[in-house]
Amino acid sequence: MLALTLVVGLSSCTGDDDDGSGGTGPETGGSDTASGIETRVEVGAVAGKLPKGPARDVAADVARVVDGWLDAAYVDGDYPRSDFGDAFPGFTKDAAALASKQAGLMSNKAVGDQVDSVTATRRVVRVDVLAPKGKAAAATAHVNLVIELTGDQERTDQVRGRVLLTRTKGDWKVFGFDVERGEVRG
């Protein structure tokens, strides 16, 4: 039943797979960020027979792709700014196009020119892995990012949801997402 749930979740929001350019506990470590804190990477559910060590490796690889997006879209860069053209590294061509149409949600584009700095205060990426025959084929990264905005916009925002990834030519690529963003404190 878990495998079916994970497969259904992976297929619910997609962009084409076109490349345009294990149930273990929490794992710490991850991307080191210039503006804020390190990402806490966790291994969530593993559907299939994937040992703990390889599952941790998959989670770390997936988290690096997700962190690339979080940094480019929300945390890093010189603020104030209005250019978020490179906010979706690691996304397929179609997923990046869809995310660009929702740039106010999927990046700081809506507020970037009103912000002097952005600091991450919470970064958690929990990775569920689909591993048929013991080989990781797809992943769902559950994201929880909290950012402090300073400048004309003085507030705390939370970005959370899931990012769907598959392996394309050996690399993990985001092909779909289900993300929400809201103000936590203002």
Foldseek 3Di string as FASTA:
>chain_A
DVLVVVVCVQPPFFFDPAADVDCDFWAQAADCDPFAGGETFAEHHEAEDADPVVSVVVRRQVRNQVVQLCQLFEADDAALDQDSPVNHPQAHPRASVVCVVVSVQSGVNVCSHQFGHKHWHHWYWYKYFYAHPHHTFKIKIWIWIWMATDGNDGFIKIKTWIFIWGADPNHIGTTGTDMGMDTPGD
